[in-house]
N, C-alpha and C. Protein backbone atom coordinates (compact mmCIF):
# COMPACT_ATOMS: atom_id res chain seq x y z
N MET A 1 109.25 52.08 98.23
CA MET A 1 108.40 53.33 98.61
C MET A 1 109.29 54.19 99.16
N SER A 2 109.12 55.47 98.48
CA SER A 2 110.11 56.69 98.77
C SER A 2 109.48 57.46 100.01
N GLU A 3 110.28 58.11 100.74
CA GLU A 3 109.68 58.92 101.86
C GLU A 3 109.23 60.34 101.29
N VAL A 4 108.30 60.81 101.81
CA VAL A 4 107.82 62.24 101.54
C VAL A 4 108.81 63.10 102.32
N PRO A 5 109.43 64.24 101.71
CA PRO A 5 110.15 65.13 102.32
C PRO A 5 109.36 65.93 103.38
N PRO A 6 109.95 66.33 104.43
CA PRO A 6 109.08 67.13 105.36
C PRO A 6 108.75 68.52 104.73
N GLN A 7 107.75 68.98 105.22
CA GLN A 7 107.32 70.38 104.83
C GLN A 7 108.20 71.45 105.52
N ILE A 8 108.63 72.31 104.68
CA ILE A 8 109.63 73.45 105.13
C ILE A 8 108.68 74.61 105.73
N VAL A 9 109.06 74.84 107.04
CA VAL A 9 108.15 75.96 107.74
C VAL A 9 109.20 76.98 108.18
N PHE A 10 108.78 78.21 107.89
CA PHE A 10 109.73 79.28 108.49
C PHE A 10 108.75 79.89 109.58
N VAL A 11 109.27 80.21 110.74
CA VAL A 11 108.56 80.66 112.03
C VAL A 11 109.29 82.12 112.28
N VAL A 12 108.43 83.03 112.45
CA VAL A 12 109.04 84.40 112.69
C VAL A 12 108.36 84.94 113.99
N ASP A 13 109.14 85.44 115.04
CA ASP A 13 108.74 85.98 116.13
C ASP A 13 110.01 86.72 116.66
N ASP A 14 109.88 88.19 117.09
CA ASP A 14 110.93 88.87 117.41
C ASP A 14 111.54 88.32 118.71
N GLU A 15 110.68 87.56 119.46
CA GLU A 15 111.12 87.06 120.77
C GLU A 15 111.86 85.65 120.37
N PRO A 16 113.20 85.45 120.48
CA PRO A 16 113.87 84.38 120.06
C PRO A 16 113.37 83.02 120.62
N ALA A 17 113.05 83.06 122.06
CA ALA A 17 112.50 81.99 122.87
C ALA A 17 111.22 81.42 122.11
N ILE A 18 110.16 82.22 121.77
CA ILE A 18 108.99 81.95 121.13
C ILE A 18 109.24 81.30 119.74
N ALA A 19 110.10 81.98 119.09
CA ALA A 19 110.43 81.34 117.51
C ALA A 19 111.13 80.15 117.71
N GLU A 20 112.00 79.94 118.63
CA GLU A 20 112.75 78.70 118.76
C GLU A 20 111.79 77.64 119.27
N THR A 21 111.05 77.92 120.17
CA THR A 21 110.02 77.00 120.71
C THR A 21 108.98 76.34 119.70
N LEU A 22 108.49 77.16 119.01
CA LEU A 22 107.60 76.92 117.92
C LEU A 22 108.30 76.10 116.79
N ALA A 23 109.56 76.42 116.55
CA ALA A 23 110.32 75.60 115.50
C ALA A 23 110.57 74.20 116.01
N THR A 24 110.91 74.11 117.30
CA THR A 24 111.25 72.77 117.92
C THR A 24 110.06 71.92 117.97
N ILE A 25 108.86 72.56 118.30
CA ILE A 25 107.66 71.75 118.26
C ILE A 25 107.28 71.16 116.88
N LEU A 26 107.48 72.00 115.90
CA LEU A 26 107.23 71.72 114.55
C LEU A 26 108.22 70.63 114.08
N ASN A 27 109.50 70.84 114.35
CA ASN A 27 110.50 69.66 114.02
C ASN A 27 110.13 68.35 114.70
N ALA A 28 109.86 68.44 115.98
CA ALA A 28 109.36 67.20 116.68
C ALA A 28 108.17 66.51 115.94
N SER A 29 107.45 67.35 115.28
CA SER A 29 106.24 66.79 114.67
C SER A 29 106.37 66.50 113.11
N GLY A 30 107.65 66.45 112.69
CA GLY A 30 107.88 65.93 111.32
C GLY A 30 108.04 67.08 110.36
N PHE A 31 108.07 68.23 110.81
CA PHE A 31 108.17 69.45 109.89
C PHE A 31 109.86 69.83 109.88
N GLN A 32 110.27 70.48 108.85
CA GLN A 32 111.70 71.00 108.79
C GLN A 32 111.43 72.48 108.99
N ALA A 33 111.39 72.98 110.34
CA ALA A 33 111.21 74.39 110.74
C ALA A 33 112.37 75.06 111.02
N THR A 34 112.50 76.25 110.62
CA THR A 34 113.57 77.19 110.98
C THR A 34 112.96 78.44 111.68
N ALA A 35 113.65 78.93 112.70
CA ALA A 35 113.13 80.04 113.54
C ALA A 35 113.87 81.32 113.04
N PHE A 36 113.12 82.37 112.81
CA PHE A 36 113.67 83.73 112.50
C PHE A 36 113.14 84.68 113.31
N THR A 37 113.91 85.86 113.67
CA THR A 37 113.34 86.85 114.52
C THR A 37 113.17 88.17 113.95
N ASP A 38 113.26 88.33 112.52
CA ASP A 38 113.13 89.43 111.98
C ASP A 38 112.67 89.20 110.41
N ALA A 39 111.90 90.17 109.87
CA ALA A 39 111.25 90.00 108.50
C ALA A 39 112.35 90.01 107.43
N GLU A 40 113.23 90.72 107.57
CA GLU A 40 114.12 90.96 106.55
C GLU A 40 114.91 89.63 106.22
N THR A 41 115.44 89.07 107.39
CA THR A 41 116.13 87.67 107.30
C THR A 41 115.19 86.56 106.77
N VAL A 42 113.99 86.54 107.05
CA VAL A 42 113.22 85.58 106.50
C VAL A 42 112.96 85.76 105.07
N ILE A 43 112.68 86.95 104.78
CA ILE A 43 112.46 87.22 103.29
C ILE A 43 113.66 86.94 102.37
N HIS A 44 115.00 87.22 102.88
CA HIS A 44 116.09 86.61 102.17
C HIS A 44 116.23 85.26 102.05
N ALA A 45 115.85 84.63 103.22
CA ALA A 45 115.83 83.15 103.08
C ALA A 45 114.82 82.49 102.14
N ALA A 46 113.77 83.04 101.91
CA ALA A 46 112.73 82.63 100.96
C ALA A 46 113.13 82.94 99.51
N GLU A 47 114.02 83.78 99.30
CA GLU A 47 114.58 83.91 97.89
C GLU A 47 115.27 82.76 97.36
N SER A 48 115.81 82.02 98.34
CA SER A 48 116.62 80.79 97.87
C SER A 48 115.80 79.52 98.00
N CYS A 49 114.85 79.47 99.02
CA CYS A 49 114.08 78.33 99.24
C CYS A 49 112.57 78.82 99.82
N CYS A 50 111.60 78.50 98.87
CA CYS A 50 110.24 78.91 99.43
C CYS A 50 109.82 77.87 100.45
N PRO A 51 109.27 78.39 101.49
CA PRO A 51 108.86 77.29 102.34
C PRO A 51 107.42 76.82 102.13
N SER A 52 106.89 75.65 102.54
CA SER A 52 105.50 75.30 102.40
C SER A 52 104.68 76.28 103.23
N MET A 53 105.14 76.70 104.33
CA MET A 53 104.34 77.48 105.24
C MET A 53 105.14 78.52 106.05
N LEU A 54 104.61 79.70 106.23
CA LEU A 54 105.11 80.83 107.00
C LEU A 54 104.11 80.86 108.11
N ILE A 55 104.92 80.96 109.36
CA ILE A 55 104.10 81.08 110.71
C ILE A 55 104.64 82.41 111.36
N SER A 56 104.04 83.38 111.46
CA SER A 56 104.63 84.58 111.84
C SER A 56 103.59 85.39 113.00
N ASP A 57 104.36 85.99 113.94
CA ASP A 57 103.77 86.94 114.79
C ASP A 57 103.32 88.07 114.01
N VAL A 58 102.25 88.80 114.30
CA VAL A 58 101.95 89.98 113.64
C VAL A 58 102.61 91.07 114.02
N VAL A 59 103.01 91.22 115.34
CA VAL A 59 103.79 92.42 115.82
C VAL A 59 105.23 92.09 115.83
N ILE A 60 105.91 92.58 114.74
CA ILE A 60 107.35 92.40 114.77
C ILE A 60 108.04 93.63 114.11
N PRO A 61 109.33 94.07 114.45
CA PRO A 61 109.74 95.23 114.07
C PRO A 61 110.06 95.41 112.59
N HIS A 62 109.88 96.66 112.31
CA HIS A 62 110.15 97.17 110.90
C HIS A 62 109.02 96.74 109.75
N MET A 63 108.38 95.77 110.05
CA MET A 63 107.31 95.36 108.98
C MET A 63 106.45 94.35 109.85
N ASN A 64 105.11 94.57 109.90
CA ASN A 64 104.33 93.79 110.80
C ASN A 64 104.02 92.39 109.93
N GLY A 65 103.64 91.64 110.55
CA GLY A 65 103.57 89.97 110.09
C GLY A 65 102.42 90.04 108.88
N ILE A 66 101.56 90.81 108.91
CA ILE A 66 100.54 90.90 107.74
C ILE A 66 101.24 91.38 106.53
N GLU A 67 102.01 92.50 106.58
CA GLU A 67 102.94 92.95 105.48
C GLU A 67 103.90 91.87 105.03
N LEU A 68 104.45 91.21 105.95
CA LEU A 68 105.33 89.99 105.72
C LEU A 68 104.55 89.05 104.80
N ALA A 69 103.50 88.66 105.36
CA ALA A 69 102.60 87.63 104.70
C ALA A 69 102.27 87.98 103.31
N ILE A 70 101.89 89.30 102.95
CA ILE A 70 101.60 89.74 101.64
C ILE A 70 102.78 89.67 100.86
N ARG A 71 104.01 90.02 101.35
CA ARG A 71 105.35 89.92 100.54
C ARG A 71 105.56 88.47 100.16
N PHE A 72 105.34 87.59 101.15
CA PHE A 72 105.58 86.09 100.95
C PHE A 72 104.83 85.57 99.86
N LYS A 73 103.54 85.88 99.98
CA LYS A 73 102.61 85.49 98.93
C LYS A 73 103.10 85.86 97.39
N ALA A 74 103.64 87.02 97.37
CA ALA A 74 104.13 87.60 96.15
C ALA A 74 105.31 86.70 95.49
N THR A 75 106.19 86.25 96.60
CA THR A 75 107.34 85.62 96.25
C THR A 75 107.26 84.11 96.09
N CYS A 76 106.27 83.64 97.02
CA CYS A 76 106.02 82.22 97.40
C CYS A 76 104.44 81.96 97.25
N PRO A 77 103.94 82.01 96.02
CA PRO A 77 102.46 81.96 95.90
C PRO A 77 101.87 80.75 96.68
N GLU A 78 102.54 79.53 96.61
CA GLU A 78 101.88 78.49 97.38
C GLU A 78 102.13 78.32 98.71
N CYS A 79 102.85 79.27 99.22
CA CYS A 79 103.07 79.12 100.67
C CYS A 79 101.86 79.34 101.50
N LYS A 80 101.75 78.52 102.41
CA LYS A 80 100.37 78.75 103.40
C LYS A 80 100.93 79.62 104.36
N ILE A 81 99.98 80.45 104.95
CA ILE A 81 100.20 81.69 105.96
C ILE A 81 99.55 81.28 107.11
N LEU A 82 100.23 81.37 108.32
CA LEU A 82 99.49 81.27 109.65
C LEU A 82 100.08 82.47 110.47
N LEU A 83 99.24 83.33 111.02
CA LEU A 83 99.60 84.56 111.73
C LEU A 83 99.18 84.26 113.17
N PHE A 84 99.92 84.85 114.19
CA PHE A 84 99.60 84.85 115.59
C PHE A 84 99.79 86.09 116.19
N SER A 85 99.10 86.39 117.09
CA SER A 85 99.33 87.67 117.89
C SER A 85 98.62 87.70 119.32
N GLY A 86 99.25 88.53 120.20
CA GLY A 86 98.57 88.67 121.54
C GLY A 86 98.14 90.01 121.59
N ASN A 87 98.08 90.78 120.59
CA ASN A 87 97.69 92.18 120.53
C ASN A 87 96.34 92.19 120.01
N ALA A 88 95.24 92.70 120.52
CA ALA A 88 93.86 92.88 120.16
C ALA A 88 93.88 93.73 118.80
N SER A 89 94.72 94.77 118.70
CA SER A 89 94.68 95.82 117.70
C SER A 89 95.09 95.25 116.40
N THR A 90 95.56 93.88 116.36
CA THR A 90 96.07 93.25 114.98
C THR A 90 94.86 92.95 114.26
N ASN A 91 93.54 92.79 114.78
CA ASN A 91 92.38 92.55 114.03
C ASN A 91 92.12 93.59 113.00
N SER A 92 92.26 94.77 113.31
CA SER A 92 92.00 95.85 112.36
C SER A 92 93.15 95.88 111.32
N LEU A 93 94.40 95.40 111.55
CA LEU A 93 95.34 95.20 110.46
C LEU A 93 94.77 94.03 109.55
N LEU A 94 94.20 92.96 109.96
CA LEU A 94 93.90 91.92 109.40
C LEU A 94 92.61 92.25 108.47
N GLU A 95 91.79 93.02 109.00
CA GLU A 95 90.57 93.53 108.39
C GLU A 95 90.92 94.26 107.05
N VAL A 96 91.98 95.12 107.22
CA VAL A 96 92.48 96.00 105.96
C VAL A 96 93.00 94.99 104.92
N ALA A 97 93.89 94.06 105.47
CA ALA A 97 94.28 93.04 104.47
C ALA A 97 93.16 92.22 103.71
N THR A 98 92.09 91.96 104.43
CA THR A 98 91.12 91.06 103.90
C THR A 98 90.44 92.01 102.78
N THR A 99 90.13 93.37 103.14
CA THR A 99 89.57 94.27 102.04
C THR A 99 90.46 94.26 100.77
N GLN A 100 91.66 94.11 100.96
CA GLN A 100 92.60 94.20 99.83
C GLN A 100 92.75 92.82 99.23
N GLY A 101 91.91 91.79 99.57
CA GLY A 101 91.86 90.49 98.87
C GLY A 101 92.80 89.48 99.41
N HIS A 102 93.42 89.78 100.64
CA HIS A 102 94.23 88.74 101.36
C HIS A 102 93.51 88.07 102.39
N ALA A 103 93.58 86.81 102.46
CA ALA A 103 92.91 86.01 103.49
C ALA A 103 93.89 85.24 104.42
N PHE A 104 94.12 85.53 105.70
CA PHE A 104 95.02 84.95 106.54
C PHE A 104 94.37 84.36 107.75
N THR A 105 94.92 83.22 108.18
CA THR A 105 94.33 82.67 109.53
C THR A 105 95.09 83.39 110.59
N LEU A 106 94.40 83.81 111.76
CA LEU A 106 95.07 84.39 112.74
C LEU A 106 94.73 83.62 114.16
N MET A 107 95.82 83.32 114.80
CA MET A 107 95.75 82.62 116.06
C MET A 107 96.00 83.67 117.17
N CYS A 108 95.44 83.34 118.43
CA CYS A 108 95.75 84.17 119.51
C CYS A 108 96.88 83.66 120.35
N LYS A 109 97.86 84.43 120.77
CA LYS A 109 98.74 84.12 121.76
C LYS A 109 98.26 83.90 123.17
N PRO A 110 98.63 83.02 123.99
CA PRO A 110 99.73 81.99 123.69
C PRO A 110 99.53 80.99 122.82
N VAL A 111 99.99 80.56 121.89
CA VAL A 111 99.82 79.51 121.09
C VAL A 111 100.22 78.12 121.78
N GLN A 112 99.00 77.16 121.79
CA GLN A 112 99.44 75.96 122.38
C GLN A 112 99.80 74.89 121.29
N PRO A 113 100.76 74.07 121.64
CA PRO A 113 101.25 72.98 120.49
C PRO A 113 100.13 72.33 119.79
N LYS A 114 99.19 71.85 120.46
CA LYS A 114 98.04 71.07 119.84
C LYS A 114 97.12 72.03 119.08
N ASP A 115 96.99 73.08 119.44
CA ASP A 115 96.30 74.23 118.69
C ASP A 115 97.07 74.57 117.41
N LEU A 116 98.32 74.76 117.57
CA LEU A 116 99.08 75.05 116.35
C LEU A 116 99.25 73.92 115.37
N LEU A 117 99.22 72.68 115.75
CA LEU A 117 99.21 71.58 114.93
C LEU A 117 97.84 71.43 114.28
N ALA A 118 96.73 71.67 115.03
CA ALA A 118 95.47 71.65 114.52
C ALA A 118 95.18 72.65 113.40
N ALA A 119 95.75 73.94 113.58
CA ALA A 119 95.65 74.91 112.65
C ALA A 119 96.45 74.72 111.38
N ILE A 120 97.49 74.14 111.55
CA ILE A 120 98.33 73.61 110.44
C ILE A 120 97.71 72.68 109.49
N ALA A 121 97.08 71.66 110.26
CA ALA A 121 96.33 70.58 109.55
C ALA A 121 95.20 71.08 108.69
N LYS A 122 94.47 72.22 109.15
CA LYS A 122 93.31 72.80 108.51
C LYS A 122 93.94 73.51 107.28
N LEU A 123 95.08 74.11 107.22
CA LEU A 123 95.59 74.79 106.11
C LEU A 123 95.95 73.80 104.96
C-alpha cells in the first residue's frame, strides 16, 4: 500500500508571524505548507510547483489577494483558493471578482485552526 503524498499548500500573509503560524498548523495536520509574505514570491514559486491550495490574506502589498487568486487560477487551474481578511472592505473586492466569474471562499480574521481545517475540508 503506497502513501498518498501530502497536499502542497502555499500560505500568503504580509505578516510573517501569521503566515508561519498557519503553515505550521497545516504542516502539523499532514499538509506540506510553505509560508510566503508577498505575492511576487509565491507567483514565482508556483511557476515551478503548482500547489493543491493557495491560502492568502486579501490585504497584501503590491497586489491584493483576490488579484493573486485570479493569477493563480490562470497558472494553476486545479488549485483550490481560500482567502481570509480582517478588513470589511474586502467584501466589495470579492463581489467584483464574483461578477467577473471568479468564486472564492473568504474567511474572517482571526482564523482559528479548527475553522481553517474545516474550510479546507469543504474545498
